[in-house]
Amino acid sequence: MSQEAVGSAMTETPRRKERRGFASMSSDKQREIASKGGRAAHQKGTAHRWSSDEARAAGRKGGLISRGGRGRLPLPSHAEG
């Protein structure tokens, strides 16, 4: 391949990937399928049911992380001297 051909191949814009499988479905169809999976898990007895305390703790953890550290205890500062 000539140097010119290599250069033009590198400057082509990459083609956008088409959505395939689950991602190509409408959000309503995705929700319907996911709902069936949730119902099946509950019938089978393998689904997790959150207690209000568990949910509160998980929400608090996520909130602390997503705020980038606000709400956490400040690190101790060095003694001024």
PDB file of N, CA and C in Angstrom:
ATOM      1  N   MET A   1       0.842  -1.175   0.000  1.00  0.00           N
ATOM      2  CA  MET A   1       0.000   0.000   0.000  1.00  0.00           C
ATOM      3  C   MET A   1       0.889   1.239   0.000  1.00  0.00           C
ATOM      4  N   SER A   2       0.535   2.222  -0.800  1.00  0.00           N
ATOM      5  CA  SER A   2       1.362   3.417  -0.879  1.00  0.00           C
ATOM      6  C   SER A   2       1.160   4.279   0.367  1.00  0.00           C
ATOM      7  N   GLN A   3       2.101   5.170   0.591  1.00  0.00           N
ATOM      8  CA  GLN A   3       2.042   6.082   1.742  1.00  0.00           C
ATOM      9  C   GLN A   3       0.789   6.944   1.665  1.00  0.00           C
ATOM     10  N   GLU A   4       0.407   7.324   0.465  1.00  0.00           N
ATOM     11  CA  GLU A   4      -0.775   8.166   0.273  1.00  0.00           C
ATOM     12  C   GLU A   4      -2.049   7.406   0.669  1.00  0.00           C
ATOM     13  N   ALA A   5      -2.121   6.150   0.294  1.00  0.00           N
ATOM     14  CA  ALA A   5      -3.302   5.333   0.608  1.00  0.00           C
ATOM     15  C   ALA A   5      -3.410   5.103   2.116  1.00  0.00           C
ATOM     16  N   VAL A   6      -2.285   4.913   2.781  1.00  0.00           N
ATOM     17  CA  VAL A   6      -2.294   4.707   4.229  1.00  0.00           C
ATOM     18  C   VAL A   6      -2.796   5.970   4.924  1.00  0.00           C
ATOM     19  N   GLY A   7      -2.341   7.121   4.478  1.00  0.00           N
ATOM     20  CA  GLY A   7      -2.754   8.386   5.094  1.00  0.00           C
ATOM     21  C   GLY A   7      -4.237   8.641   4.946  1.00  0.00           C
ATOM     22  N   SER A   8      -4.791   8.357   3.769  1.00  0.00           N
ATOM     23  CA  SER A   8      -6.206   8.612   3.574  1.00  0.00           C
ATOM     24  C   SER A   8      -7.061   7.626   4.350  1.00  0.00           C
ATOM     25  N   ALA A   9      -6.561   6.397   4.551  1.00  0.00           N
ATOM     26  CA  ALA A   9      -7.321   5.405   5.314  1.00  0.00           C
ATOM     27  C   ALA A   9      -7.401   5.807   6.780  1.00  0.00           C
ATOM     28  N   MET A  10      -6.381   6.479   7.257  1.00  0.00           N
ATOM     29  CA  MET A  10      -6.354   6.866   8.658  1.00  0.00           C
ATOM     30  C   MET A  10      -7.222   8.091   8.930  1.00  0.00           C
ATOM     31  N   THR A  11      -7.500   8.891   7.913  1.00  0.00           N
ATOM     32  CA  THR A  11      -8.273  10.106   8.131  1.00  0.00           C
ATOM     33  C   THR A  11      -9.769   9.907   7.927  1.00  0.00           C
ATOM     34  N   GLU A  12     -10.172   8.688   7.528  1.00  0.00           N
ATOM     35  CA  GLU A  12     -11.598   8.444   7.364  1.00  0.00           C
ATOM     36  C   GLU A  12     -12.284   8.533   8.716  1.00  0.00           C
ATOM     37  N   THR A  13     -13.489   9.046   8.714  1.00  0.00           N
ATOM     38  CA  THR A  13     -14.224   9.109   9.973  1.00  0.00           C
ATOM     39  C   THR A  13     -14.752   7.723  10.302  1.00  0.00           C
ATOM     40  N   PRO A  14     -14.632   7.320  11.553  1.00  0.00           N
ATOM     41  CA  PRO A  14     -15.112   5.986  11.918  1.00  0.00           C
ATOM     42  C   PRO A  14     -16.630   5.910  11.788  1.00  0.00           C
ATOM     43  N   ARG A  15     -17.091   4.772  11.303  1.00  0.00           N
ATOM     44  CA  ARG A  15     -18.534   4.595  11.166  1.00  0.00           C
ATOM     45  C   ARG A  15     -19.150   4.373  12.542  1.00  0.00           C
ATOM     46  N   ARG A  16     -20.335   4.892  12.719  1.00  0.00           N
ATOM     47  CA  ARG A  16     -21.038   4.747  13.982  1.00  0.00           C
ATOM     48  C   ARG A  16     -21.543   3.315  14.101  1.00  0.00           C
ATOM     49  N   LYS A  17     -21.344   2.714  15.260  1.00  0.00           N
ATOM     50  CA  LYS A  17     -21.816   1.352  15.476  1.00  0.00           C
ATOM     51  C   LYS A  17     -23.333   1.361  15.553  1.00  0.00           C
ATOM     52  N   GLU A  18     -23.926   0.390  14.916  1.00  0.00           N
ATOM     53  CA  GLU A  18     -25.374   0.281  14.995  1.00  0.00           C
ATOM     54  C   GLU A  18     -25.729  -0.446  16.281  1.00  0.00           C
ATOM     55  N   ARG A  19     -26.848  -0.068  16.838  1.00  0.00           N
ATOM     56  CA  ARG A  19     -27.309  -0.721  18.049  1.00  0.00           C
ATOM     57  C   ARG A  19     -27.832  -2.100  17.687  1.00  0.00           C
ATOM     58  N   ARG A  20     -27.423  -3.091  18.475  1.00  0.00           N
ATOM     59  CA  ARG A  20     -27.822  -4.462  18.179  1.00  0.00           C
ATOM     60  C   ARG A  20     -28.451  -5.085  19.414  1.00  0.00           C
ATOM     61  N   GLY A  21     -29.216  -6.135  19.198  1.00  0.00           N
ATOM     62  CA  GLY A  21     -29.764  -6.900  20.308  1.00  0.00           C
ATOM     63  C   GLY A  21     -30.686  -6.081  21.198  1.00  0.00           C
ATOM     64  N   PHE A  22     -30.471  -6.209  22.491  1.00  0.00           N
ATOM     65  CA  PHE A  22     -31.318  -5.544  23.487  1.00  0.00           C
ATOM     66  C   PHE A  22     -31.314  -4.029  23.299  1.00  0.00           C
ATOM     67  N   ALA A  23     -30.162  -3.469  22.964  1.00  0.00           N
ATOM     68  CA  ALA A  23     -30.036  -2.017  22.811  1.00  0.00           C
ATOM     69  C   ALA A  23     -30.856  -1.476  21.647  1.00  0.00           C
ATOM     70  N   SER A  24     -31.149  -2.320  20.656  1.00  0.00           N
ATOM     71  CA  SER A  24     -31.889  -1.843  19.494  1.00  0.00           C
ATOM     72  C   SER A  24     -33.396  -1.815  19.742  1.00  0.00           C
ATOM     73  N   MET A  25     -33.834  -2.419  20.853  1.00  0.00           N
ATOM     74  CA  MET A  25     -35.271  -2.458  21.148  1.00  0.00           C
ATOM     75  C   MET A  25     -35.740  -1.135  21.732  1.00  0.00           C
ATOM     76  N   SER A  26     -37.020  -0.886  21.622  1.00  0.00           N
ATOM     77  CA  SER A  26     -37.577   0.325  22.235  1.00  0.00           C
ATOM     78  C   SER A  26     -37.481   0.184  23.752  1.00  0.00           C
ATOM     79  N   SER A  27     -37.501   1.299  24.447  1.00  0.00           N
ATOM     80  CA  SER A  27     -37.402   1.247  25.905  1.00  0.00           C
ATOM     81  C   SER A  27     -38.599   0.520  26.512  1.00  0.00           C
ATOM     82  N   ASP A  28     -39.765   0.618  25.875  1.00  0.00           N
ATOM     83  CA  ASP A  28     -40.938  -0.109  26.379  1.00  0.00           C
ATOM     84  C   ASP A  28     -40.740  -1.621  26.285  1.00  0.00           C
ATOM     85  N   LYS A  29     -40.162  -2.068  25.172  1.00  0.00           N
ATOM     86  CA  LYS A  29     -39.916  -3.497  24.971  1.00  0.00           C
ATOM     87  C   LYS A  29     -38.855  -3.987  25.966  1.00  0.00           C
ATOM     88  N   GLN A  30     -37.816  -3.195  26.185  1.00  0.00           N
ATOM     89  CA  GLN A  30     -36.780  -3.550  27.162  1.00  0.00           C
ATOM     90  C   GLN A  30     -37.395  -3.680  28.550  1.00  0.00           C
ATOM     91  N   ARG A  31     -38.239  -2.723  28.919  1.00  0.00           N
ATOM     92  CA  ARG A  31     -38.885  -2.722  30.229  1.00  0.00           C
ATOM     93  C   ARG A  31     -39.766  -3.962  30.393  1.00  0.00           C
ATOM     94  N   GLU A  32     -40.480  -4.323  29.330  1.00  0.00           N
ATOM     95  CA  GLU A  32     -41.358  -5.495  29.368  1.00  0.00           C
ATOM     96  C   GLU A  32     -40.555  -6.770  29.619  1.00  0.00           C
ATOM     97  N   ILE A  33     -39.446  -6.925  28.916  1.00  0.00           N
ATOM     98  CA  ILE A  33     -38.602  -8.114  29.072  1.00  0.00           C
ATOM     99  C   ILE A  33     -37.984  -8.154  30.465  1.00  0.00           C
ATOM    100  N   ALA A  34     -37.482  -7.031  30.946  1.00  0.00           N
ATOM    101  CA  ALA A  34     -36.877  -6.965  32.276  1.00  0.00           C
ATOM    102  C   ALA A  34     -37.905  -7.276  33.354  1.00  0.00           C
ATOM    103  N   SER A  35     -39.117  -6.817  33.144  1.00  0.00           N
ATOM    104  CA  SER A  35     -40.195  -7.069  34.099  1.00  0.00           C
ATOM    105  C   SER A  35     -40.484  -8.565  34.203  1.00  0.00           C
ATOM    106  N   LYS A  36     -40.483  -9.245  33.056  1.00  0.00           N
ATOM    107  CA  LYS A  36     -40.712 -10.693  33.051  1.00  0.00           C
ATOM    108  C   LYS A  36     -39.613 -11.392  33.850  1.00  0.00           C
ATOM    109  N   GLY A  37     -38.383 -10.938  33.701  1.00  0.00           N
ATOM    110  CA  GLY A  37     -37.269 -11.532  34.448  1.00  0.00           C
ATOM    111  C   GLY A  37     -37.421 -11.321  35.939  1.00  0.00           C
ATOM    112  N   GLY A  38     -37.864 -10.145  36.327  1.00  0.00           N
ATOM    113  CA  GLY A  38     -38.078  -9.863  37.748  1.00  0.00           C
ATOM    114  C   GLY A  38     -39.168 -10.728  38.341  1.00  0.00           C
ATOM    115  N   ARG A  39     -40.258 -10.872  37.599  1.00  0.00           N
ATOM    116  CA  ARG A  39     -41.363 -11.715  38.075  1.00  0.00           C
ATOM    117  C   ARG A  39     -40.912 -13.164  38.218  1.00  0.00           C
ATOM    118  N   ALA A  40     -40.153 -13.644  37.254  1.00  0.00           N
ATOM    119  CA  ALA A  40     -39.665 -15.028  37.290  1.00  0.00           C
ATOM    120  C   ALA A  40     -38.758 -15.248  38.503  1.00  0.00           C
ATOM    121  N   ALA A  41     -37.900 -14.276  38.791  1.00  0.00           N
ATOM    122  CA  ALA A  41     -36.992 -14.403  39.930  1.00  0.00           C
ATOM    123  C   ALA A  41     -37.776 -14.456  41.242  1.00  0.00           C
ATOM    124  N   HIS A  42     -38.824 -13.664  41.346  1.00  0.00           N
ATOM    125  CA  HIS A  42     -39.639 -13.679  42.563  1.00  0.00           C
ATOM    126  C   HIS A  42     -40.377 -15.016  42.701  1.00  0.00           C
ATOM    127  N   GLN A  43     -40.893 -15.548  41.599  1.00  0.00           N
ATOM    128  CA  GLN A  43     -41.580 -16.843  41.642  1.00  0.00           C
ATOM    129  C   GLN A  43     -40.622 -17.959  42.022  1.00  0.00           C
ATOM    130  N   LYS A  44     -39.408 -17.858  41.535  1.00  0.00           N
ATOM    131  CA  LYS A  44     -38.391 -18.880  41.817  1.00  0.00           C
ATOM    132  C   LYS A  44     -37.862 -18.740  43.247  1.00  0.00           C
ATOM    133  N   GLY A  45     -37.993 -17.543  43.810  1.00  0.00           N
ATOM    134  CA  GLY A  45     -37.513 -17.311  45.172  1.00  0.00           C
ATOM    135  C   GLY A  45     -36.083 -16.833  45.243  1.00  0.00           C
ATOM    136  N   THR A  46     -35.512 -16.406  44.119  1.00  0.00           N
ATOM    137  CA  THR A  46     -34.115 -15.956  44.111  1.00  0.00           C
ATOM    138  C   THR A  46     -33.987 -14.436  44.055  1.00  0.00           C
ATOM    139  N   ALA A  47     -35.105 -13.730  44.029  1.00  0.00           N
ATOM    140  CA  ALA A  47     -35.057 -12.272  43.958  1.00  0.00           C
ATOM    141  C   ALA A  47     -34.738 -11.695  45.337  1.00  0.00           C
ATOM    142  N   HIS A  48     -34.067 -10.569  45.344  1.00  0.00           N
ATOM    143  CA  HIS A  48     -33.719  -9.899  46.599  1.00  0.00           C
ATOM    144  C   HIS A  48     -34.779  -8.859  46.925  1.00  0.00           C
ATOM    145  N   ARG A  49     -35.277  -8.895  48.116  1.00  0.00           N
ATOM    146  CA  ARG A  49     -36.227  -7.875  48.577  1.00  0.00           C
ATOM    147  C   ARG A  49     -35.509  -6.985  49.579  1.00  0.00           C
ATOM    148  N   TRP A  50     -35.479  -5.707  49.283  1.00  0.00           N
ATOM    149  CA  TRP A  50     -34.795  -4.744  50.135  1.00  0.00           C
ATOM    150  C   TRP A  50     -35.657  -4.403  51.338  1.00  0.00           C
ATOM    151  N   SER A  51     -35.058  -4.404  52.510  1.00  0.00           N
ATOM    152  CA  SER A  51     -35.744  -3.867  53.686  1.00  0.00           C
ATOM    153  C   SER A  51     -35.571  -2.356  53.620  1.00  0.00           C
ATOM    154  N   SER A  52     -36.392  -1.633  54.360  1.00  0.00           N
ATOM    155  CA  SER A  52     -36.264  -0.175  54.312  1.00  0.00           C
ATOM    156  C   SER A  52     -34.909   0.269  54.851  1.00  0.00           C
ATOM    157  N   ASP A  53     -34.362  -0.448  55.833  1.00  0.00           N
ATOM    158  CA  ASP A  53     -33.042  -0.091  56.375  1.00  0.00           C
ATOM    159  C   ASP A  53     -31.938  -0.317  55.342  1.00  0.00           C
ATOM    160  N   GLU A  54     -32.024  -1.445  54.621  1.00  0.00           N
ATOM    161  CA  GLU A  54     -31.037  -1.727  53.570  1.00  0.00           C
ATOM    162  C   GLU A  54     -31.093  -0.669  52.473  1.00  0.00           C
ATOM    163  N   ALA A  55     -32.291  -0.331  52.058  1.00  0.00           N
ATOM    164  CA  ALA A  55     -32.462   0.658  50.993  1.00  0.00           C
ATOM    165  C   ALA A  55     -31.945   2.019  51.436  1.00  0.00           C
ATOM    166  N   ARG A  56     -32.213   2.387  52.673  1.00  0.00           N
ATOM    167  CA  ARG A  56     -31.750   3.674  53.201  1.00  0.00           C
ATOM    168  C   ARG A  56     -30.228   3.727  53.221  1.00  0.00           C
ATOM    169  N   ALA A  57     -29.600   2.636  53.676  1.00  0.00           N
ATOM    170  CA  ALA A  57     -28.133   2.585  53.742  1.00  0.00           C
ATOM    171  C   ALA A  57     -27.523   2.647  52.340  1.00  0.00           C
ATOM    172  N   ALA A  58     -28.116   1.933  51.394  1.00  0.00           N
ATOM    173  CA  ALA A  58     -27.590   1.941  50.029  1.00  0.00           C
ATOM    174  C   ALA A  58     -27.746   3.320  49.396  1.00  0.00           C
ATOM    175  N   GLY A  59     -28.866   3.956  49.610  1.00  0.00           N
ATOM    176  CA  GLY A  59     -29.090   5.299  49.078  1.00  0.00           C
ATOM    177  C   GLY A  59     -28.126   6.306  49.671  1.00  0.00           C
ATOM    178  N   ARG A  60     -27.862   6.164  50.949  1.00  0.00           N
ATOM    179  CA  ARG A  60     -26.913   7.070  51.615  1.00  0.00           C
ATOM    180  C   ARG A  60     -25.514   6.895  51.044  1.00  0.00           C
ATOM    181  N   LYS A  61     -25.101   5.632  50.862  1.00  0.00           N
ATOM    182  CA  LYS A  61     -23.778   5.354  50.291  1.00  0.00           C
ATOM    183  C   LYS A  61     -23.649   5.983  48.907  1.00  0.00           C
ATOM    184  N   GLY A  62     -24.639   5.752  48.076  1.00  0.00           N
ATOM    185  CA  GLY A  62     -24.598   6.298  46.724  1.00  0.00           C
ATOM    186  C   GLY A  62     -24.586   7.808  46.720  1.00  0.00           C
ATOM    187  N   GLY A  63     -25.356   8.402  47.615  1.00  0.00           N
ATOM    188  CA  GLY A  63     -25.398   9.861  47.705  1.00  0.00           C
ATOM    189  C   GLY A  63     -24.063  10.448  48.118  1.00  0.00           C
ATOM    190  N   LEU A  64     -23.408   9.795  49.057  1.00  0.00           N
ATOM    191  CA  LEU A  64     -22.103  10.294  49.508  1.00  0.00           C
ATOM    192  C   LEU A  64     -21.076  10.207  48.387  1.00  0.00           C
ATOM    193  N   ILE A  65     -21.105   9.127  47.644  1.00  0.00           N
ATOM    194  CA  ILE A  65     -20.149   8.941  46.550  1.00  0.00           C
ATOM    195  C   ILE A  65     -20.439   9.922  45.422  1.00  0.00           C
ATOM    196  N   SER A  66     -21.698  10.054  45.035  1.00  0.00           N
ATOM    197  CA  SER A  66     -22.031  10.880  43.875  1.00  0.00           C
ATOM    198  C   SER A  66     -21.802  12.370  44.128  1.00  0.00           C
ATOM    199  N   ARG A  67     -21.800  12.769  45.372  1.00  0.00           N
ATOM    200  CA  ARG A  67     -21.577  14.191  45.664  1.00  0.00           C
ATOM    201  C   ARG A  67     -20.097  14.530  45.707  1.00  0.00           C
ATOM    202  N   GLY A  68     -19.278  13.579  45.415  1.00  0.00           N
ATOM    203  CA  GLY A  68     -17.840  13.844  45.358  1.00  0.00           C
ATOM    204  C   GLY A  68     -17.227  14.130  46.708  1.00  0.00           C
ATOM    205  N   GLY A  69     -17.780  13.560  47.752  1.00  0.00           N
ATOM    206  CA  GLY A  69     -17.152  13.700  49.051  1.00  0.00           C
ATOM    207  C   GLY A  69     -17.845  14.677  49.979  1.00  0.00           C
ATOM    208  N   ARG A  70     -18.714  15.528  49.461  1.00  0.00           N
ATOM    209  CA  ARG A  70     -19.434  16.430  50.357  1.00  0.00           C
ATOM    210  C   ARG A  70     -20.283  15.589  51.291  1.00  0.00           C
ATOM    211  N   GLY A  71     -20.316  15.952  52.541  1.00  0.00           N
ATOM    212  CA  GLY A  71     -21.090  15.189  53.498  1.00  0.00           C
ATOM    213  C   GLY A  71     -20.246  14.193  54.255  1.00  0.00           C
ATOM    214  N   ARG A  72     -19.020  13.991  53.815  1.00  0.00           N
ATOM    215  CA  ARG A  72     -18.127  13.092  54.540  1.00  0.00           C
ATOM    216  C   ARG A  72     -17.383  13.897  55.601  1.00  0.00           C
ATOM    217  N   LEU A  73     -16.827  13.189  56.545  1.00  0.00           N
ATOM    218  CA  LEU A  73     -16.052  13.879  57.567  1.00  0.00           C
ATOM    219  C   LEU A  73     -14.792  14.453  56.930  1.00  0.00           C
ATOM    220  N   PRO A  74     -14.440  15.676  57.272  1.00  0.00           N
ATOM    221  CA  PRO A  74     -13.218  16.264  56.686  1.00  0.00           C
ATOM    222  C   PRO A  74     -11.975  15.556  57.207  1.00  0.00           C
ATOM    223  N   LEU A  75     -10.953  15.515  56.373  1.00  0.00           N
ATOM    224  CA  LEU A  75      -9.676  14.935  56.807  1.00  0.00           C
ATOM    225  C   LEU A  75      -9.037  15.846  57.834  1.00  0.00           C
ATOM    226  N   PRO A  76      -8.373  15.278  58.823  1.00  0.00           N
ATOM    227  CA  PRO A  76      -7.717  16.118  59.842  1.00  0.00           C
ATOM    228  C   PRO A  76      -6.616  16.960  59.194  1.00  0.00           C
ATOM    229  N   SER A  77      -6.575  18.226  59.563  1.00  0.00           N
ATOM    230  CA  SER A  77      -5.535  19.105  59.016  1.00  0.00           C
ATOM    231  C   SER A  77      -4.283  18.994  59.876  1.00  0.00           C
ATOM    232  N   HIS A  78      -3.149  19.340  59.292  1.00  0.00           N
ATOM    233  CA  HIS A  78      -1.891  19.297  60.023  1.00  0.00           C
ATOM    234  C   HIS A  78      -1.858  20.439  61.024  1.00  0.00           C
ATOM    235  N   ALA A  79      -1.219  20.185  62.148  1.00  0.00           N
ATOM    236  CA  ALA A  79      -1.116  21.212  63.200  1.00  0.00           C
ATOM    237  C   ALA A  79      -0.266  22.374  62.676  1.00  0.00           C
ATOM    238  N   GLU A  80      -0.795  23.562  62.914  1.00  0.00           N
ATOM    239  CA  GLU A  80      -0.052  24.757  62.473  1.00  0.00           C
ATOM    240  C   GLU A  80       1.012  25.075  63.501  1.00  0.00           C
ATOM    241  N   GLY A  81       2.163  25.516  63.070  1.00  0.00           N
ATOM    242  CA  GLY A  81       3.212  25.730  64.041  1.00  0.00           C
ATOM    243  C   GLY A  81       4.078  26.847  63.822  1.00  0.00           C
TER     244      GLY A  81
END
